[in-house]
């Protein structure tokens, strides 16, 4: 069995206490002490995950550079829109957020607790 250094120390202390309390014999204790090994850190897996994360970051960075022009064009179009259109859009967004958060407050704490337990 492979254990972390911390868990191995705990297991060793427990087995030595069992030997001292005569719960197990010396032979059984030695057998138990030899039945596990300390697991080392998996540097290869860490390097692999770090490599994949760096590739994802590069793709996001390139995507944001390319999308910058399209985003600026969209923002310019939004700022050039008539005032009434901006007002209606923001009012609609406010209504959606209000009802989304207002309805969640109408539930009793028991219903919310039940939802948390189900998930």
N, C-alpha and C. Protein backbone atom coordinates (compact mmCIF):
# COMPACT_ATOMS: atom_id res chain seq x y z
N UNK A 1 0.84 -1.16 0.00
CA UNK A 1 0.00 0.00 0.00
C UNK A 1 0.90 1.24 0.00
N UNK A 2 0.54 2.24 -0.84
CA UNK A 2 1.33 3.47 -0.93
C UNK A 2 0.62 4.56 -0.13
N UNK A 3 1.36 5.18 0.79
CA UNK A 3 0.81 6.22 1.65
C UNK A 3 1.66 7.48 1.53
N UNK A 4 1.03 8.61 1.82
CA UNK A 4 1.80 9.85 1.89
C UNK A 4 2.68 9.81 3.13
N UNK A 5 3.65 10.69 3.18
CA UNK A 5 4.59 10.70 4.30
C UNK A 5 3.87 10.94 5.63
N UNK A 6 2.88 11.83 5.61
CA UNK A 6 2.14 12.15 6.83
C UNK A 6 1.32 10.95 7.31
N UNK A 7 0.61 10.31 6.38
CA UNK A 7 -0.21 9.15 6.75
C UNK A 7 0.66 7.98 7.17
N UNK A 8 1.81 7.83 6.53
CA UNK A 8 2.72 6.74 6.90
C UNK A 8 3.22 6.93 8.33
N UNK A 9 3.49 8.16 8.71
CA UNK A 9 3.92 8.43 10.08
C UNK A 9 2.83 8.08 11.09
N UNK A 10 1.59 8.39 10.75
CA UNK A 10 0.48 8.06 11.62
C UNK A 10 0.31 6.54 11.74
N UNK A 11 0.35 5.85 10.61
CA UNK A 11 0.21 4.39 10.62
C UNK A 11 1.33 3.75 11.42
N UNK A 12 2.55 4.23 11.24
CA UNK A 12 3.68 3.68 11.98
C UNK A 12 3.51 3.89 13.49
N UNK A 13 3.05 5.08 13.87
CA UNK A 13 2.84 5.35 15.29
C UNK A 13 1.77 4.45 15.88
N UNK A 14 0.72 4.21 15.13
CA UNK A 14 -0.36 3.35 15.62
C UNK A 14 0.13 1.91 15.76
N UNK A 15 0.86 1.42 14.77
CA UNK A 15 1.36 0.04 14.83
C UNK A 15 2.33 -0.12 16.00
N UNK A 16 3.22 0.88 16.20
CA UNK A 16 4.16 0.79 17.32
C UNK A 16 3.43 0.82 18.66
N UNK A 17 2.32 1.58 18.72
CA UNK A 17 1.52 1.61 19.95
C UNK A 17 0.85 0.26 20.19
N UNK A 18 0.39 -0.37 19.12
CA UNK A 18 -0.21 -1.70 19.23
C UNK A 18 0.81 -2.71 19.75
N UNK A 19 2.04 -2.60 19.23
CA UNK A 19 3.10 -3.51 19.68
C UNK A 19 3.39 -3.27 21.17
N UNK A 20 3.44 -1.99 21.57
CA UNK A 20 3.72 -1.66 22.97
C UNK A 20 2.59 -2.12 23.88
N UNK A 21 1.35 -2.05 23.41
CA UNK A 21 0.19 -2.48 24.21
C UNK A 21 -0.06 -3.98 24.14
N UNK A 22 0.78 -4.68 23.37
CA UNK A 22 0.64 -6.12 23.17
C UNK A 22 -0.68 -6.49 22.49
N UNK A 23 -1.20 -5.56 21.66
CA UNK A 23 -2.39 -5.87 20.87
C UNK A 23 -2.03 -6.81 19.73
N UNK A 24 -0.84 -6.61 19.18
CA UNK A 24 -0.32 -7.52 18.15
C UNK A 24 1.05 -8.01 18.62
N UNK A 25 1.47 -9.13 18.08
CA UNK A 25 2.79 -9.66 18.44
C UNK A 25 3.88 -8.89 17.70
N UNK A 26 5.13 -9.14 18.11
CA UNK A 26 6.27 -8.49 17.44
C UNK A 26 6.32 -8.86 15.97
N UNK A 27 6.09 -10.13 15.66
CA UNK A 27 6.16 -10.59 14.27
C UNK A 27 5.05 -9.94 13.43
N UNK A 28 3.84 -9.89 13.99
CA UNK A 28 2.73 -9.26 13.26
C UNK A 28 3.00 -7.77 13.07
N UNK A 29 3.58 -7.14 14.09
CA UNK A 29 3.91 -5.73 14.01
C UNK A 29 4.93 -5.44 12.92
N UNK A 30 5.97 -6.28 12.86
CA UNK A 30 6.98 -6.09 11.80
C UNK A 30 6.37 -6.31 10.42
N UNK A 31 5.46 -7.29 10.34
CA UNK A 31 4.79 -7.55 9.07
C UNK A 31 3.93 -6.36 8.66
N UNK A 32 3.22 -5.78 9.63
CA UNK A 32 2.39 -4.60 9.34
C UNK A 32 3.25 -3.40 8.96
N UNK A 33 4.38 -3.22 9.66
CA UNK A 33 5.26 -2.09 9.34
C UNK A 33 5.86 -2.23 7.94
N UNK A 34 6.04 -3.45 7.47
CA UNK A 34 6.58 -3.66 6.13
C UNK A 34 5.51 -3.73 5.04
N UNK A 35 4.25 -3.56 5.41
CA UNK A 35 3.18 -3.74 4.43
C UNK A 35 2.83 -2.46 3.65
N UNK A 36 3.48 -1.36 3.94
CA UNK A 36 3.20 -0.12 3.21
C UNK A 36 4.50 0.54 2.81
N UNK A 37 4.38 1.47 1.86
CA UNK A 37 5.55 2.24 1.44
C UNK A 37 5.13 3.69 1.26
N UNK A 38 6.10 4.57 1.37
CA UNK A 38 5.83 6.00 1.25
C UNK A 38 5.85 6.38 -0.22
N UNK A 39 4.77 7.01 -0.66
CA UNK A 39 4.65 7.42 -2.07
C UNK A 39 5.37 8.74 -2.27
N UNK A 40 6.13 8.81 -3.35
CA UNK A 40 6.81 10.05 -3.70
C UNK A 40 5.90 10.96 -4.51
N UNK A 41 6.35 12.17 -4.74
CA UNK A 41 5.55 13.12 -5.51
C UNK A 41 5.69 12.82 -7.00
N UNK A 42 4.60 12.89 -7.74
CA UNK A 42 4.59 12.56 -9.16
C UNK A 42 4.91 13.82 -9.98
N UNK A 43 6.20 14.08 -10.16
CA UNK A 43 6.63 15.27 -10.89
C UNK A 43 6.28 15.18 -12.37
N UNK A 44 6.27 13.98 -12.91
CA UNK A 44 5.96 13.81 -14.33
C UNK A 44 4.52 14.24 -14.63
N UNK A 45 3.60 13.86 -13.77
CA UNK A 45 2.20 14.25 -13.96
C UNK A 45 2.04 15.77 -13.81
N UNK A 46 2.74 16.35 -12.84
CA UNK A 46 2.69 17.80 -12.66
C UNK A 46 3.20 18.52 -13.90
N UNK A 47 4.29 18.03 -14.49
CA UNK A 47 4.85 18.65 -15.69
C UNK A 47 3.87 18.53 -16.86
N UNK A 48 3.21 17.37 -16.98
CA UNK A 48 2.26 17.17 -18.07
C UNK A 48 1.09 18.14 -17.94
N UNK A 49 0.52 18.27 -16.74
CA UNK A 49 -0.61 19.18 -16.53
C UNK A 49 -0.19 20.63 -16.73
N UNK A 50 1.00 20.97 -16.28
CA UNK A 50 1.50 22.34 -16.47
C UNK A 50 1.65 22.66 -17.95
N UNK A 51 2.11 21.70 -18.73
CA UNK A 51 2.26 21.90 -20.16
C UNK A 51 0.89 22.14 -20.81
N UNK A 52 -0.10 21.32 -20.46
CA UNK A 52 -1.43 21.50 -21.05
C UNK A 52 -2.05 22.83 -20.64
N UNK A 53 -1.86 23.25 -19.41
CA UNK A 53 -2.39 24.54 -18.97
C UNK A 53 -1.72 25.68 -19.71
N UNK A 54 -0.42 25.58 -19.95
CA UNK A 54 0.27 26.65 -20.69
C UNK A 54 -0.22 26.71 -22.13
N UNK A 55 -0.49 25.55 -22.75
CA UNK A 55 -1.05 25.57 -24.11
C UNK A 55 -2.42 26.23 -24.15
N UNK A 56 -3.25 25.93 -23.16
CA UNK A 56 -4.58 26.55 -23.10
C UNK A 56 -4.45 28.06 -22.93
N UNK A 57 -3.51 28.50 -22.11
CA UNK A 57 -3.30 29.95 -21.91
C UNK A 57 -2.86 30.61 -23.21
N UNK A 58 -2.02 29.95 -23.97
CA UNK A 58 -1.57 30.51 -25.26
C UNK A 58 -2.75 30.63 -26.21
N UNK A 59 -3.59 29.61 -26.27
CA UNK A 59 -4.76 29.66 -27.16
C UNK A 59 -5.70 30.79 -26.74
N UNK A 60 -5.92 30.97 -25.45
CA UNK A 60 -6.77 32.05 -24.97
C UNK A 60 -6.17 33.41 -25.33
N UNK A 61 -4.86 33.55 -25.16
CA UNK A 61 -4.21 34.82 -25.48
C UNK A 61 -4.32 35.15 -26.97
N UNK A 62 -4.07 34.16 -27.82
CA UNK A 62 -4.18 34.40 -29.26
C UNK A 62 -5.62 34.71 -29.64
N UNK A 63 -6.56 34.00 -29.04
CA UNK A 63 -7.98 34.25 -29.31
C UNK A 63 -8.39 35.65 -28.89
N UNK A 64 -7.90 36.11 -27.75
CA UNK A 64 -8.26 37.46 -27.30
C UNK A 64 -7.64 38.54 -28.19
N UNK A 65 -6.46 38.29 -28.71
CA UNK A 65 -5.85 39.26 -29.64
C UNK A 65 -6.66 39.33 -30.92
N UNK A 66 -7.07 38.18 -31.43
CA UNK A 66 -7.85 38.17 -32.67
C UNK A 66 -9.26 38.70 -32.48
N UNK A 67 -9.84 38.46 -31.32
CA UNK A 67 -11.21 38.91 -31.06
C UNK A 67 -11.27 40.37 -30.65
N UNK A 68 -10.12 40.98 -30.41
CA UNK A 68 -10.08 42.36 -29.97
C UNK A 68 -10.74 43.29 -30.98
N UNK A 69 -10.44 43.12 -32.25
CA UNK A 69 -11.02 43.99 -33.28
C UNK A 69 -12.53 43.79 -33.37
N UNK A 70 -12.97 42.56 -33.31
CA UNK A 70 -14.41 42.28 -33.38
C UNK A 70 -15.13 42.84 -32.16
N UNK A 71 -14.50 42.73 -31.01
CA UNK A 71 -15.09 43.26 -29.78
C UNK A 71 -15.18 44.78 -29.83
N UNK A 72 -14.15 45.42 -30.32
CA UNK A 72 -14.18 46.89 -30.43
C UNK A 72 -15.27 47.34 -31.40
N UNK A 73 -15.45 46.60 -32.48
CA UNK A 73 -16.51 46.94 -33.44
C UNK A 73 -17.89 46.79 -32.79
N UNK A 74 -18.08 45.74 -32.01
CA UNK A 74 -19.35 45.52 -31.32
C UNK A 74 -19.61 46.62 -30.31
N UNK A 75 -18.59 46.99 -29.53
CA UNK A 75 -18.76 48.08 -28.56
C UNK A 75 -19.07 49.40 -29.24
N UNK A 76 -18.42 49.68 -30.37
CA UNK A 76 -18.71 50.91 -31.10
C UNK A 76 -20.15 50.92 -31.58
N UNK A 77 -20.64 49.77 -32.05
CA UNK A 77 -22.02 49.67 -32.52
C UNK A 77 -23.00 49.91 -31.37
N UNK A 78 -22.66 49.38 -30.19
CA UNK A 78 -23.53 49.56 -29.02
C UNK A 78 -23.55 51.02 -28.60
N UNK A 79 -22.39 51.69 -28.60
CA UNK A 79 -22.35 53.08 -28.17
C UNK A 79 -22.98 54.03 -29.19
N UNK A 80 -23.05 53.63 -30.46
CA UNK A 80 -23.69 54.45 -31.49
C UNK A 80 -25.20 54.23 -31.57
N UNK A 81 -25.72 53.28 -30.80
CA UNK A 81 -27.16 52.98 -30.83
C UNK A 81 -27.94 54.15 -30.24
N UNK A 82 -29.20 54.27 -30.65
CA UNK A 82 -30.03 55.36 -30.09
C UNK A 82 -30.20 55.18 -28.57
N UNK A 83 -30.42 56.31 -27.90
CA UNK A 83 -30.53 56.29 -26.44
C UNK A 83 -31.68 55.43 -25.95
N UNK A 84 -32.81 55.46 -26.65
CA UNK A 84 -33.96 54.68 -26.21
C UNK A 84 -33.66 53.18 -26.26
N UNK A 85 -32.89 52.77 -27.26
CA UNK A 85 -32.52 51.35 -27.37
C UNK A 85 -31.61 50.92 -26.21
N UNK A 86 -30.66 51.79 -25.86
CA UNK A 86 -29.79 51.50 -24.72
C UNK A 86 -30.61 51.40 -23.43
N UNK A 87 -31.54 52.34 -23.27
CA UNK A 87 -32.38 52.37 -22.07
C UNK A 87 -33.22 51.09 -21.96
N UNK A 88 -33.83 50.67 -23.05
CA UNK A 88 -34.66 49.47 -23.04
C UNK A 88 -33.82 48.22 -22.76
N UNK A 89 -32.65 48.15 -23.34
CA UNK A 89 -31.77 47.00 -23.11
C UNK A 89 -31.36 46.91 -21.64
N UNK A 90 -30.95 48.02 -21.07
CA UNK A 90 -30.52 48.01 -19.67
C UNK A 90 -31.70 47.74 -18.73
N UNK A 91 -32.88 48.27 -19.06
CA UNK A 91 -34.06 48.00 -18.23
C UNK A 91 -34.42 46.52 -18.29
N UNK A 92 -34.36 45.94 -19.46
CA UNK A 92 -34.65 44.51 -19.60
C UNK A 92 -33.66 43.67 -18.82
N UNK A 93 -32.39 44.04 -18.89
CA UNK A 93 -31.37 43.31 -18.14
C UNK A 93 -31.61 43.43 -16.63
N UNK A 94 -31.99 44.62 -16.17
CA UNK A 94 -32.27 44.82 -14.75
C UNK A 94 -33.46 43.97 -14.31
N UNK A 95 -34.51 43.89 -15.13
CA UNK A 95 -35.68 43.08 -14.79
C UNK A 95 -35.30 41.61 -14.69
N UNK A 96 -34.51 41.13 -15.64
CA UNK A 96 -34.10 39.73 -15.61
C UNK A 96 -33.30 39.44 -14.35
N UNK A 97 -32.35 40.29 -13.99
CA UNK A 97 -31.57 40.07 -12.79
C UNK A 97 -32.44 40.17 -11.53
N UNK A 98 -33.36 41.13 -11.51
CA UNK A 98 -34.23 41.29 -10.34
C UNK A 98 -35.06 40.04 -10.10
N UNK A 99 -35.72 39.54 -11.12
CA UNK A 99 -36.57 38.37 -10.94
C UNK A 99 -35.75 37.11 -10.69
N UNK A 100 -34.58 37.05 -11.24
CA UNK A 100 -33.73 35.89 -10.99
C UNK A 100 -33.33 35.81 -9.52
N UNK A 101 -32.94 36.93 -8.94
CA UNK A 101 -32.52 36.93 -7.55
C UNK A 101 -33.69 37.06 -6.58
N UNK A 102 -34.76 37.73 -6.97
CA UNK A 102 -35.92 37.90 -6.09
C UNK A 102 -36.63 36.58 -5.86
N UNK A 103 -36.73 35.74 -6.89
CA UNK A 103 -37.44 34.47 -6.73
C UNK A 103 -36.65 33.52 -5.84
N UNK A 104 -35.36 33.63 -5.83
CA UNK A 104 -34.57 32.73 -4.99
C UNK A 104 -34.76 33.06 -3.51
N UNK A 105 -35.15 34.30 -3.17
CA UNK A 105 -35.37 34.68 -1.77
C UNK A 105 -36.71 34.21 -1.24
N UNK A 106 -37.63 33.82 -2.12
CA UNK A 106 -38.96 33.41 -1.69
C UNK A 106 -38.97 31.98 -1.17
N UNK A 107 -37.94 31.23 -1.42
CA UNK A 107 -37.89 29.85 -0.96
C UNK A 107 -37.51 29.80 0.51
N UNK A 108 -38.05 28.82 1.20
CA UNK A 108 -37.70 28.67 2.60
C UNK A 108 -36.29 28.09 2.71
N UNK A 109 -35.65 28.27 3.83
CA UNK A 109 -34.30 27.70 4.00
C UNK A 109 -34.27 26.19 3.86
N UNK A 110 -35.38 25.53 4.23
CA UNK A 110 -35.42 24.07 4.12
C UNK A 110 -35.36 23.63 2.66
N UNK A 111 -36.04 24.37 1.76
CA UNK A 111 -36.01 24.02 0.35
C UNK A 111 -34.60 24.20 -0.20
N UNK A 112 -33.94 25.29 0.17
CA UNK A 112 -32.58 25.52 -0.28
C UNK A 112 -31.65 24.43 0.26
N UNK A 113 -31.85 24.05 1.52
CA UNK A 113 -31.02 23.00 2.11
C UNK A 113 -31.23 21.68 1.38
N UNK A 114 -32.47 21.39 1.02
CA UNK A 114 -32.78 20.16 0.31
C UNK A 114 -32.09 20.16 -1.06
N UNK A 115 -32.09 21.29 -1.74
CA UNK A 115 -31.42 21.38 -3.03
C UNK A 115 -29.92 21.11 -2.91
N UNK A 116 -29.32 21.67 -1.87
CA UNK A 116 -27.88 21.47 -1.66
C UNK A 116 -27.57 19.99 -1.41
N UNK A 117 -28.43 19.34 -0.66
CA UNK A 117 -28.20 17.93 -0.35
C UNK A 117 -28.36 17.07 -1.59
N UNK A 118 -29.34 17.42 -2.47
CA UNK A 118 -29.57 16.65 -3.68
C UNK A 118 -28.41 16.76 -4.64
N UNK A 119 -27.76 17.89 -4.69
CA UNK A 119 -26.67 18.08 -5.64
C UNK A 119 -25.46 17.42 -5.08
